[in-house]
């Protein structure tokens, strides 16, 4: 196939279904977050919603296992195998955190919804929306960083909301049992946004590793990469240098640190221990 003076062909077809699997998993995250919002919408939490959220969590587990099994069967993958595995696990962790929050609300039999619960649930929903958009951008190789940054901003907002909710809880509630229950509930809700940030960190790592475009305007019309572990690509254009890596920089720094000697020391011979030649008798 020729595109803009560039000729590329692939000897082994690449499995592209992983993108659709990730998006299906993200759709379940959005569904679980929406159910959590519905659970906290009434003045008295709807405990029955915890069962529906549990069903979504089980479905996410099944999807995650299918992704990993397909990864084991696939020879050529669109992303590095480690990235696919980490992304699948981090997405499943988001749903686990949502399910844990809903389960805690039902187990503690919380009778009223306090400040912070609905606000954190709303932020979780916004985070899952950005996760879904980020995965769609990952497939099209553009604007991934935009959604990762937005997830990070939402996680910071969740931190502030969590702190304010805890302050109001300690100031306004005198029953220590209620304080303990709601403090732990707030912690679990905030942890769900942390898991969304973990997904954003994985997406950022893929961008750094493979050089995806950061914005729609900078996205190329066609994109391919060469990797011994993921694809076999022949191209007439010179392959660009690898992106910056902190490990490579630290290695170069260690190699270049310290004064260099201009003396070239002789190499000792191999074999038995080297000895001074004995003087002639």
Protein backbone atom coordinates (compact mmCIF):
# COMPACT_ATOMS: atom_id res chain seq x y z
CA UNK A 1 0.00 0.00 0.00
CA UNK A 2 1.38 3.43 -0.99
CA UNK A 3 0.45 6.54 0.95
CA UNK A 4 2.15 9.91 0.43
CA UNK A 5 5.34 8.45 -1.01
CA UNK A 6 5.45 5.74 1.62
CA UNK A 7 5.20 2.07 0.79
CA UNK A 8 4.43 -0.41 3.56
CA UNK A 9 3.24 -3.98 3.61
CA UNK A 10 2.85 -6.52 6.38
CA UNK A 11 3.90 -10.13 6.16
CA UNK A 12 1.78 -11.25 9.12
CA UNK A 13 -1.69 -9.78 9.75
CA UNK A 14 -2.12 -7.94 13.02
CA UNK A 15 -4.97 -8.68 15.44
CA UNK A 16 -6.93 -5.43 15.82
CA UNK A 17 -9.83 -6.79 17.88
CA UNK A 18 -8.16 -5.77 21.14
CA UNK A 19 -9.31 -2.18 20.61
CA UNK A 20 -12.94 -3.29 20.41
CA UNK A 21 -12.47 -5.43 23.52
CA UNK A 22 -11.10 -2.46 25.46
CA UNK A 23 -14.00 -0.29 24.33
CA UNK A 24 -16.53 -2.95 25.34
CA UNK A 25 -14.89 -3.11 28.76
CA UNK A 26 -15.04 0.68 29.06
CA UNK A 27 -18.74 0.64 28.15
CA UNK A 28 -19.33 -1.66 31.12
CA UNK A 29 -17.42 0.77 33.34
CA UNK A 30 -19.76 3.55 32.24
CA UNK A 31 -22.74 1.34 33.00
CA UNK A 32 -21.41 0.51 36.46
CA UNK A 33 -20.72 4.17 37.24
CA UNK A 34 -24.22 5.14 36.12
CA UNK A 35 -25.72 2.50 38.43
CA UNK A 36 -23.65 3.87 41.31
CA UNK A 37 -25.06 7.33 40.67
CA UNK A 38 -28.58 5.88 40.63
CA UNK A 39 -27.85 4.10 43.89
CA UNK A 40 -26.94 7.38 45.60
CA UNK A 41 -29.58 9.55 43.92
CA UNK A 42 -32.40 9.07 46.51
CA UNK A 43 -32.16 10.45 50.02
CA UNK A 44 -31.91 6.84 51.20
CA UNK A 45 -29.42 4.83 49.10
CA UNK A 46 -30.96 2.19 46.86
CA UNK A 47 -29.23 -0.90 48.22
CA UNK A 48 -30.67 -3.15 45.49
CA UNK A 49 -28.46 -1.43 42.92
CA UNK A 50 -25.47 -3.18 44.47
CA UNK A 51 -26.64 -6.46 42.93
CA UNK A 52 -26.84 -4.91 39.46
CA UNK A 53 -23.38 -3.43 39.89
CA UNK A 54 -22.10 -6.86 40.95
CA UNK A 55 -23.43 -8.34 37.69
CA UNK A 56 -21.57 -5.69 35.71
CA UNK A 57 -18.41 -6.48 37.67
CA UNK A 58 -18.73 -10.18 36.79
CA UNK A 59 -19.13 -9.28 33.12
CA UNK A 60 -15.98 -7.15 33.27
CA UNK A 61 -14.11 -10.10 34.76
CA UNK A 62 -15.23 -12.27 31.85
CA UNK A 63 -14.17 -9.66 29.29
CA UNK A 64 -10.80 -9.27 30.97
CA UNK A 65 -10.17 -13.02 30.91
CA UNK A 66 -11.15 -13.15 27.23
CA UNK A 67 -8.66 -10.39 26.42
CA UNK A 68 -5.85 -12.20 28.21
CA UNK A 69 -6.71 -15.53 26.58
CA UNK A 70 -6.77 -13.91 23.15
CA UNK A 71 -3.45 -12.27 23.94
CA UNK A 72 -1.95 -15.69 24.64
CA UNK A 73 -3.24 -16.98 21.28
CA UNK A 74 -2.21 -13.97 19.19
CA UNK A 75 1.20 -13.77 17.56
CA UNK A 76 1.09 -10.18 16.28
CA UNK A 77 -0.63 -7.55 18.44
CA UNK A 78 -1.41 -3.85 17.80
CA UNK A 79 0.32 -2.86 21.06
CA UNK A 80 3.06 -4.43 23.12
CA UNK A 81 1.82 -7.49 24.94
CA UNK A 82 2.69 -6.03 28.34
CA UNK A 83 0.66 -2.89 27.57
CA UNK A 84 -2.39 -4.91 26.52
CA UNK A 85 -2.23 -6.97 29.70
CA UNK A 86 -1.74 -3.94 31.95
CA UNK A 87 -4.51 -1.97 30.25
CA UNK A 88 -6.99 -4.84 30.61
CA UNK A 89 -6.14 -5.29 34.28
CA UNK A 90 -6.34 -1.58 35.06
CA UNK A 91 -9.76 -1.30 33.40
CA UNK A 92 -11.02 -4.25 35.42
CA UNK A 93 -9.66 -2.62 38.59
CA UNK A 94 -11.90 0.41 37.98
CA UNK A 95 -15.00 -1.78 38.00
CA UNK A 96 -13.74 -3.63 41.07
CA UNK A 97 -13.48 -0.30 42.91
CA UNK A 98 -16.99 0.74 41.86
CA UNK A 99 -18.37 -2.62 42.98
CA UNK A 100 -16.51 -2.38 46.31
CA UNK A 101 -18.05 1.04 46.96
CA UNK A 102 -21.58 -0.18 46.23
CA UNK A 103 -21.08 -3.30 48.34
CA UNK A 104 -19.88 -1.23 51.28
CA UNK A 105 -22.90 1.08 51.12
CA UNK A 106 -25.22 -1.93 51.22
CA UNK A 107 -23.31 -3.76 53.98
CA UNK A 108 -23.19 -0.69 56.21
CA UNK A 109 -26.91 -0.06 55.66
CA UNK A 110 -26.34 3.65 55.24
CA UNK A 111 -29.70 5.34 55.71
CA UNK A 112 -28.99 8.82 54.33
CA UNK A 113 -26.67 10.19 51.68
CA UNK A 114 -24.16 12.68 53.03
CA UNK A 115 -22.30 15.42 51.20
CA UNK A 116 -19.52 14.00 49.05
CA UNK A 117 -21.11 10.71 48.04
CA UNK A 118 -23.11 11.99 45.07
CA UNK A 119 -20.31 14.37 44.12
CA UNK A 120 -17.73 11.57 44.04
CA UNK A 121 -20.12 9.32 42.10
CA UNK A 122 -20.53 12.09 39.53
CA UNK A 123 -16.75 12.39 39.17
CA UNK A 124 -16.44 8.62 38.76
CA UNK A 125 -18.96 8.77 35.91
CA UNK A 126 -17.04 11.61 34.26
CA UNK A 127 -13.80 9.63 34.60
CA UNK A 128 -15.29 6.55 32.95
CA UNK A 129 -16.56 8.74 30.10
CA UNK A 130 -13.02 10.00 29.55
CA UNK A 131 -11.64 6.47 29.74
CA UNK A 132 -14.01 5.42 26.95
CA UNK A 133 -13.04 8.41 24.83
CA UNK A 134 -9.36 7.78 25.49
CA UNK A 135 -9.62 4.19 24.30
CA UNK A 136 -11.39 5.31 21.14
CA UNK A 137 -8.59 7.84 20.59
CA UNK A 138 -6.05 5.08 21.15
CA UNK A 139 -7.48 3.11 18.24
CA UNK A 140 -7.33 6.14 15.95
CA UNK A 141 -3.90 7.25 17.23
CA UNK A 142 -4.86 10.79 18.19
CA UNK A 143 -5.74 12.97 21.18
CA UNK A 144 -4.97 10.25 23.71
CA UNK A 145 -3.08 12.62 26.01
CA UNK A 146 -6.01 15.06 26.02
CA UNK A 147 -8.25 12.50 27.72
CA UNK A 148 -5.50 11.29 30.05
CA UNK A 149 -4.95 14.84 31.28
CA UNK A 150 -8.69 15.30 31.84
CA UNK A 151 -8.82 12.11 33.91
CA UNK A 152 -5.97 13.44 36.02
CA UNK A 153 -7.83 16.71 36.54
CA UNK A 154 -10.97 14.85 37.61
CA UNK A 155 -8.95 12.74 40.04
CA UNK A 156 -7.58 15.91 41.62
CA UNK A 157 -11.13 17.21 41.92
CA UNK A 158 -12.10 13.96 43.63
CA UNK A 159 -9.27 14.42 46.13
CA UNK A 160 -10.56 17.87 47.05
CA UNK A 161 -14.15 16.63 47.30
CA UNK A 162 -13.05 13.74 49.49
CA UNK A 163 -11.19 16.06 51.85
CA UNK A 164 -14.14 18.43 52.14
CA UNK A 165 -16.54 15.54 52.74
CA UNK A 166 -14.37 14.17 55.56
CA UNK A 167 -14.08 17.61 57.17
CA UNK A 168 -17.87 18.06 57.14
CA UNK A 169 -18.35 14.52 58.46
CA UNK A 170 -16.09 15.10 61.45
CA UNK A 171 -17.56 18.52 62.17
CA UNK A 172 -21.23 17.56 61.92
CA UNK A 173 -21.50 13.94 63.08
CA UNK A 174 -21.10 12.88 66.71
CA UNK A 175 -21.91 9.18 66.38
CA UNK A 176 -18.51 7.46 66.03
CA UNK A 177 -20.02 4.44 64.26
CA UNK A 178 -21.55 6.64 61.56
CA UNK A 179 -18.27 8.50 61.19
CA UNK A 180 -16.36 5.26 60.67
CA UNK A 181 -18.87 3.97 58.10
CA UNK A 182 -18.95 7.13 56.02
CA UNK A 183 -15.22 7.77 56.25
CA UNK A 184 -14.52 4.35 54.75
CA UNK A 185 -17.24 4.83 52.13
CA UNK A 186 -15.67 8.11 51.03
CA UNK A 187 -12.29 6.39 50.83
CA UNK A 188 -13.67 3.66 48.58
CA UNK A 189 -15.41 6.13 46.28
CA UNK A 190 -12.27 8.22 45.93
CA UNK A 191 -10.24 5.07 45.23
CA UNK A 192 -12.36 4.45 42.11
CA UNK A 193 -11.06 7.71 40.63
CA UNK A 194 -7.52 6.61 41.49
CA UNK A 195 -8.06 3.46 39.45
CA UNK A 196 -9.24 5.59 36.52
CA UNK A 197 -6.03 7.57 36.83
CA UNK A 198 -4.12 4.28 36.63
CA UNK A 199 -5.78 3.68 33.25
CA UNK A 200 -4.72 7.17 32.16
CA UNK A 201 -1.14 6.40 33.20
CA UNK A 202 -1.14 3.27 31.05
CA UNK A 203 -2.45 5.26 28.08
CA UNK A 204 0.26 7.87 28.60
CA UNK A 205 2.85 5.11 28.67
CA UNK A 206 1.63 3.80 25.32
CA UNK A 207 1.85 7.31 23.87
CA UNK A 208 5.42 7.76 25.08
CA UNK A 209 6.48 4.33 23.87
CA UNK A 210 4.92 4.40 20.42
CA UNK A 211 4.67 8.10 19.64
CA UNK A 212 0.92 8.50 19.20
CA UNK A 213 -0.22 12.03 18.36
CA UNK A 214 -1.26 14.19 21.30
CA UNK A 215 -3.94 16.17 19.50
CA UNK A 216 -6.18 15.66 16.46
CA UNK A 217 -4.35 18.33 14.49
CA UNK A 218 -1.03 16.54 14.83
CA UNK A 219 -2.30 13.07 13.97
CA UNK A 220 -0.85 11.67 10.71
CA UNK A 221 -3.13 10.37 7.98
CA UNK A 222 -1.54 6.93 8.25
CA UNK A 223 0.64 5.42 10.92
CA UNK A 224 2.65 2.26 11.35
CA UNK A 225 5.52 1.17 13.49
CA UNK A 226 8.14 -1.54 13.49
CA UNK A 227 8.46 -3.85 16.47
CA UNK A 228 10.01 -7.25 16.79
CA UNK A 229 7.34 -8.27 19.29
CA UNK A 230 4.18 -6.87 17.74
CA UNK A 231 4.35 -6.42 13.99
CA UNK A 232 6.47 -6.94 10.90
CA UNK A 233 6.52 -3.81 8.76
CA UNK A 234 8.70 -2.89 5.78
CA UNK A 235 8.78 0.80 4.89
CA UNK A 236 10.75 2.99 2.53
CA UNK A 237 10.88 5.89 4.99
CA UNK A 238 13.62 6.09 7.58
CA UNK A 239 12.44 4.88 10.96
CA UNK A 240 12.62 7.71 13.54
CA UNK A 241 14.68 7.35 16.67
CA UNK A 242 13.13 5.94 19.80
CA UNK A 243 11.32 8.30 22.18
CA UNK A 244 13.12 9.53 25.26
CA UNK A 245 13.34 7.00 28.07
CA UNK A 246 14.32 7.87 31.65
CA UNK A 247 16.14 4.55 31.96
CA UNK A 248 18.21 5.24 28.86
CA UNK A 249 19.05 8.74 30.11
CA UNK A 250 20.20 7.49 33.50
CA UNK A 251 22.31 4.83 31.80
CA UNK A 252 23.99 7.43 29.59
CA UNK A 253 24.55 9.63 32.63
CA UNK A 254 26.27 6.83 34.49
CA UNK A 255 28.43 6.05 31.50
CA UNK A 256 29.47 9.66 31.07
CA UNK A 257 29.96 10.47 34.78
CA UNK A 258 33.47 10.84 36.16
CA UNK A 259 36.71 11.80 34.45
CA UNK A 260 37.84 9.73 31.55
CA UNK A 261 41.41 8.47 31.48
CA UNK A 262 43.51 8.86 28.36
CA UNK A 263 45.62 5.82 29.28
CA UNK A 264 44.89 2.68 27.30
CA UNK A 265 45.58 -0.26 29.58
CA UNK A 266 46.71 -3.53 27.99
CA UNK A 267 44.32 -6.47 28.06
CA UNK A 268 45.51 -9.37 30.20
CA UNK A 269 45.68 -12.71 28.43
CA UNK A 270 42.93 -15.21 29.08
CA UNK A 271 43.54 -18.62 30.54
CA UNK A 272 45.63 -19.37 33.63
CA UNK A 273 46.44 -16.53 36.06
CA UNK A 274 48.83 -14.06 34.51
CA UNK A 275 52.34 -14.09 35.96
CA UNK A 276 55.50 -12.08 35.51
CA UNK A 277 57.93 -13.85 33.16
CA UNK A 278 60.75 -15.50 35.11
CA UNK A 279 64.29 -14.19 34.61
CA UNK A 280 66.62 -16.41 32.57
CA UNK A 281 68.94 -18.59 34.67
